[in-house]
């Protein structure tokens, strides 16, 4: 016991550290209580908003709870009871999930539109001084190939192109 209360290098007493820890835990409790109270007021609105944003989120959560009741009745019933007790947290979670799915769907639609490559409107620009190429003579490809082949008559490979 004496080892715990010896104060060799520390300038903070263990009693003060214990009191500070208890004060921190009490502060966190009241903070969580306040957040839960605020969520309790907003929870019905969040639940209704979730229903309008993506009703499949709510139905999937219910199906998950029913499947849990069928596979493991004790855990499933406990999950249903906790869903009612922690309704503000569940509604906030479902609302967040619905918003996330909405954002993912909008990003997917944006990517799909980019893949379809819709054409954009364009404007023709008329040039005042177009490039005139009348002075140039057209190059005849056959004559050019014949000139190249004249230089290498001994090559059997070139005979394939004659």
Protein backbone atom coordinates (compact mmCIF):
# COMPACT_ATOMS: atom_id res chain seq x y z
CA UNK A 1 0.00 0.00 0.00
CA UNK A 2 2.79 2.43 0.74
CA UNK A 3 4.11 2.06 -2.81
CA UNK A 4 0.86 3.43 -4.26
CA UNK A 5 0.85 6.51 -2.09
CA UNK A 6 4.56 7.30 -2.37
CA UNK A 7 5.11 10.51 -4.23
CA UNK A 8 8.68 10.30 -5.57
CA UNK A 9 8.68 12.25 -8.86
CA UNK A 10 5.07 13.27 -9.36
CA UNK A 11 3.85 16.67 -8.25
CA UNK A 12 0.15 15.63 -8.45
CA UNK A 13 -1.25 13.78 -5.50
CA UNK A 14 -3.17 10.58 -6.22
CA UNK A 15 -6.15 11.92 -4.29
CA UNK A 16 -6.33 14.99 -6.55
CA UNK A 17 -6.07 12.76 -9.68
CA UNK A 18 -8.91 10.57 -8.39
CA UNK A 19 -11.10 13.61 -7.69
CA UNK A 20 -10.31 15.06 -11.13
CA UNK A 21 -11.25 11.73 -12.75
CA UNK A 22 -14.55 11.62 -10.85
CA UNK A 23 -15.28 15.24 -11.84
CA UNK A 24 -14.54 14.40 -15.48
CA UNK A 25 -16.88 11.39 -15.39
CA UNK A 26 -19.68 13.48 -13.82
CA UNK A 27 -19.21 16.17 -16.50
CA UNK A 28 -19.33 13.55 -19.25
CA UNK A 29 -22.48 12.06 -17.70
CA UNK A 30 -24.28 15.41 -17.72
CA UNK A 31 -23.07 16.12 -21.24
CA UNK A 32 -24.40 12.76 -22.46
CA UNK A 33 -27.64 13.36 -20.56
CA UNK A 34 -28.07 16.73 -22.27
CA UNK A 35 -27.35 15.29 -25.72
CA UNK A 36 -29.82 12.46 -25.08
CA UNK A 37 -32.46 14.96 -23.93
CA UNK A 38 -32.00 17.08 -27.08
CA UNK A 39 -32.12 13.96 -29.26
CA UNK A 40 -35.28 12.94 -27.42
CA UNK A 41 -36.93 16.16 -28.55
CA UNK A 42 -35.72 15.88 -32.14
CA UNK A 43 -36.11 12.08 -32.51
CA UNK A 44 -39.70 12.02 -33.88
CA UNK A 45 -38.80 14.63 -36.48
CA UNK A 46 -35.68 12.67 -37.46
CA UNK A 47 -37.67 9.46 -37.72
CA UNK A 48 -40.30 11.05 -39.97
CA UNK A 49 -37.60 12.71 -42.07
CA UNK A 50 -35.87 9.33 -42.42
CA UNK A 51 -39.14 7.83 -43.63
CA UNK A 52 -39.45 10.48 -46.35
CA UNK A 53 -35.77 10.42 -47.36
CA UNK A 54 -35.42 6.64 -47.63
CA UNK A 55 -38.11 4.45 -46.09
CA UNK A 56 -36.15 1.31 -46.90
CA UNK A 57 -33.70 2.16 -44.11
CA UNK A 58 -36.48 1.87 -41.51
CA UNK A 59 -37.93 -1.27 -43.07
CA UNK A 60 -34.50 -2.90 -43.28
CA UNK A 61 -33.87 -2.12 -39.60
CA UNK A 62 -37.20 -3.73 -38.69
CA UNK A 63 -36.42 -6.78 -40.85
CA UNK A 64 -33.05 -7.09 -39.12
CA UNK A 65 -34.71 -7.06 -35.71
CA UNK A 66 -37.28 -9.68 -36.79
CA UNK A 67 -34.56 -11.89 -38.26
CA UNK A 68 -32.65 -11.55 -34.98
CA UNK A 69 -35.77 -12.65 -33.05
CA UNK A 70 -36.08 -15.73 -35.28
CA UNK A 71 -32.42 -16.74 -35.03
CA UNK A 72 -31.77 -15.83 -31.39
CA UNK A 73 -34.98 -14.90 -29.54
CA UNK A 74 -33.34 -13.55 -26.38
CA UNK A 75 -31.00 -11.21 -28.24
CA UNK A 76 -33.75 -10.21 -30.69
CA UNK A 77 -36.20 -9.26 -27.93
CA UNK A 78 -33.42 -7.41 -26.11
CA UNK A 79 -32.66 -5.53 -29.34
CA UNK A 80 -36.31 -4.53 -29.74
CA UNK A 81 -36.52 -3.33 -26.13
CA UNK A 82 -33.26 -1.39 -26.49
CA UNK A 83 -34.57 0.15 -29.73
CA UNK A 84 -37.56 1.54 -27.82
CA UNK A 85 -35.48 2.66 -24.83
CA UNK A 86 -32.79 4.24 -26.98
CA UNK A 87 -35.24 5.56 -29.60
CA UNK A 88 -33.46 8.95 -29.86
CA UNK A 89 -30.17 7.25 -30.67
CA UNK A 90 -31.78 4.79 -33.08
CA UNK A 91 -33.63 7.54 -34.92
CA UNK A 92 -30.44 9.61 -35.20
CA UNK A 93 -28.57 6.54 -36.50
CA UNK A 94 -31.28 5.75 -39.06
CA UNK A 95 -31.41 9.40 -40.17
CA UNK A 96 -27.63 9.43 -40.64
CA UNK A 97 -27.78 6.20 -42.60
CA UNK A 98 -30.56 7.55 -44.85
CA UNK A 99 -28.61 10.74 -45.52
CA UNK A 100 -25.45 8.77 -46.29
CA UNK A 101 -27.31 6.51 -48.71
CA UNK A 102 -28.87 9.55 -50.38
CA UNK A 103 -25.42 11.08 -50.85
CA UNK A 104 -24.01 7.83 -52.25
CA UNK A 105 -26.93 7.55 -54.69
CA UNK A 106 -26.42 11.12 -55.89
CA UNK A 107 -22.70 10.47 -56.39
CA UNK A 108 -23.51 7.26 -58.28
CA UNK A 109 -25.93 9.18 -60.54
CA UNK A 110 -23.29 11.81 -61.18
CA UNK A 111 -20.76 9.16 -62.15
CA UNK A 112 -23.30 7.47 -64.41
CA UNK A 113 -23.98 10.77 -66.19
CA UNK A 114 -20.26 11.26 -66.74
CA UNK A 115 -19.98 7.75 -68.18
CA UNK A 116 -22.84 8.40 -70.60
CA UNK A 117 -20.89 11.41 -71.87
CA UNK A 118 -23.70 13.75 -72.75
CA UNK A 119 -22.82 16.12 -75.54
CA UNK A 120 -22.60 19.75 -74.68
CA UNK A 121 -23.73 22.62 -76.84
CA UNK A 122 -21.04 24.21 -78.95
CA UNK A 123 -20.66 27.31 -81.02
CA UNK A 124 -19.09 27.38 -84.46
CA UNK A 125 -16.39 29.95 -84.86
CA UNK A 126 -15.98 31.39 -88.32
CA UNK A 127 -12.46 32.19 -89.33
CA UNK A 128 -11.70 35.43 -91.12
CA UNK A 129 -8.51 34.15 -92.74
CA UNK A 130 -8.85 30.45 -93.50
CA UNK A 131 -5.77 28.40 -94.25
CA UNK A 132 -5.28 28.12 -98.00
CA UNK A 133 -3.58 24.98 -99.26
CA UNK A 134 -4.02 25.47 -103.03
CA UNK A 135 -0.29 26.08 -103.60
CA UNK A 136 0.71 22.63 -102.41
CA UNK A 137 0.84 19.66 -104.72
CA UNK A 138 -0.72 16.42 -103.54
CA UNK A 139 1.73 13.65 -102.79
CA UNK A 140 1.13 10.55 -104.72
CA UNK A 141 1.66 7.58 -102.46
CA UNK A 142 2.31 5.09 -105.24
CA UNK A 143 5.09 7.19 -106.76
CA UNK A 144 6.72 7.61 -103.38
CA UNK A 145 6.67 3.87 -102.77
CA UNK A 146 8.11 3.22 -106.25
CA UNK A 147 11.02 5.60 -105.57
CA UNK A 148 11.77 3.83 -102.32
CA UNK A 149 11.62 0.44 -104.01
CA UNK A 150 14.00 1.52 -106.82
CA UNK A 151 16.73 1.97 -104.22
CA UNK A 152 16.41 -1.56 -102.85
CA UNK A 153 15.85 -3.96 -105.78
CA UNK A 154 17.75 -6.86 -104.26
CA UNK A 155 15.44 -7.25 -101.26
CA UNK A 156 12.89 -10.10 -101.56
CA UNK A 157 10.63 -8.48 -99.01
CA UNK A 158 10.17 -5.46 -101.24
CA UNK A 159 8.97 -7.70 -104.06
CA UNK A 160 5.82 -8.39 -102.04
CA UNK A 161 4.69 -4.77 -102.44
CA UNK A 162 5.16 -4.47 -106.23
